[in-house]
């Protein structure tokens, strides 16, 4: 599924890679309840796989105000 360029700029291939790499640990951790995958959802792992021109940041939680502000 294409991701709009205005959301990710020219890093569409990188965005798809992030999605593939992080989907398995997310679903294994939170759906299958396998805590051994949580290390792949950490800042250290995000820094390891992060690439330019689309650096990766992980956010664990946002208030509703922070979320609203992010989309303005």
Protein backbone atom coordinates (compact mmCIF):
# COMPACT_ATOMS: atom_id res chain seq x y z
CA UNK A 1 0.00 0.00 0.00
CA UNK A 2 1.55 3.35 -1.00
CA UNK A 3 2.24 5.85 1.74
CA UNK A 4 1.60 9.48 0.72
CA UNK A 5 4.81 11.36 -0.10
CA UNK A 6 3.70 14.32 2.03
CA UNK A 7 3.78 12.00 5.05
CA UNK A 8 7.19 10.40 4.54
CA UNK A 9 8.94 12.46 1.87
CA UNK A 10 11.24 10.54 -0.41
CA UNK A 11 11.81 7.67 2.03
CA UNK A 12 8.99 5.39 0.93
CA UNK A 13 11.19 2.27 0.60
CA UNK A 14 12.61 2.93 4.06
CA UNK A 15 9.11 3.38 5.52
CA UNK A 16 8.06 0.02 4.08
CA UNK A 17 11.16 -1.59 5.58
CA UNK A 18 10.36 -0.13 9.00
CA UNK A 19 6.82 -1.42 8.73
CA UNK A 20 8.01 -4.93 7.85
CA UNK A 21 10.73 -5.01 10.50
CA UNK A 22 8.53 -3.71 13.33
CA UNK A 23 5.25 -5.48 12.53
CA UNK A 24 6.35 -8.91 13.73
CA UNK A 25 7.67 -7.80 17.11
CA UNK A 26 4.65 -5.56 17.65
CA UNK A 27 2.12 -8.33 17.00
CA UNK A 28 4.15 -10.97 18.82
CA UNK A 29 4.48 -8.69 21.86
CA UNK A 30 0.98 -7.29 22.10
CA UNK A 31 -1.28 -9.82 20.37
CA UNK A 32 0.52 -13.13 20.98
CA UNK A 33 1.75 -11.90 24.39
CA UNK A 34 5.36 -12.95 23.77
CA UNK A 35 7.47 -10.50 25.83
CA UNK A 36 10.71 -11.80 24.27
CA UNK A 37 9.96 -9.59 21.24
CA UNK A 38 9.74 -6.33 23.25
CA UNK A 39 13.46 -5.61 22.83
CA UNK A 40 12.76 -5.02 19.12
CA UNK A 41 10.37 -2.23 20.08
CA UNK A 42 13.00 -0.24 21.95
CA UNK A 43 14.81 3.01 21.31
CA UNK A 44 18.10 1.14 20.92
CA UNK A 45 16.70 -1.09 18.19
CA UNK A 46 15.02 1.86 16.46
CA UNK A 47 18.36 3.68 16.43
CA UNK A 48 20.03 0.57 14.96
CA UNK A 49 17.64 0.27 12.01
CA UNK A 50 17.07 4.02 11.48
CA UNK A 51 18.14 5.36 8.07
CA UNK A 52 18.28 8.73 6.37
CA UNK A 53 16.35 10.46 4.83
CA UNK A 54 13.62 9.04 7.11
CA UNK A 55 15.02 8.65 10.64
CA UNK A 56 12.96 6.46 12.93
CA UNK A 57 11.63 7.51 16.33
CA UNK A 58 9.47 5.43 18.62
CA UNK A 59 6.78 6.97 20.80
CA UNK A 60 5.37 4.90 23.63
CA UNK A 61 2.49 7.18 24.55
CA UNK A 62 0.95 10.56 23.86
CA UNK A 63 -1.73 12.56 25.57
CA UNK A 64 -4.70 13.48 23.43
CA UNK A 65 -3.38 17.06 23.33
CA UNK A 66 0.04 15.92 22.08
CA UNK A 67 -1.56 13.73 19.43
CA UNK A 68 -3.78 16.57 18.26
CA UNK A 69 -0.79 18.92 18.12
CA UNK A 70 1.21 16.42 16.06
CA UNK A 71 -1.44 16.49 13.32
CA UNK A 72 -1.72 20.27 13.07
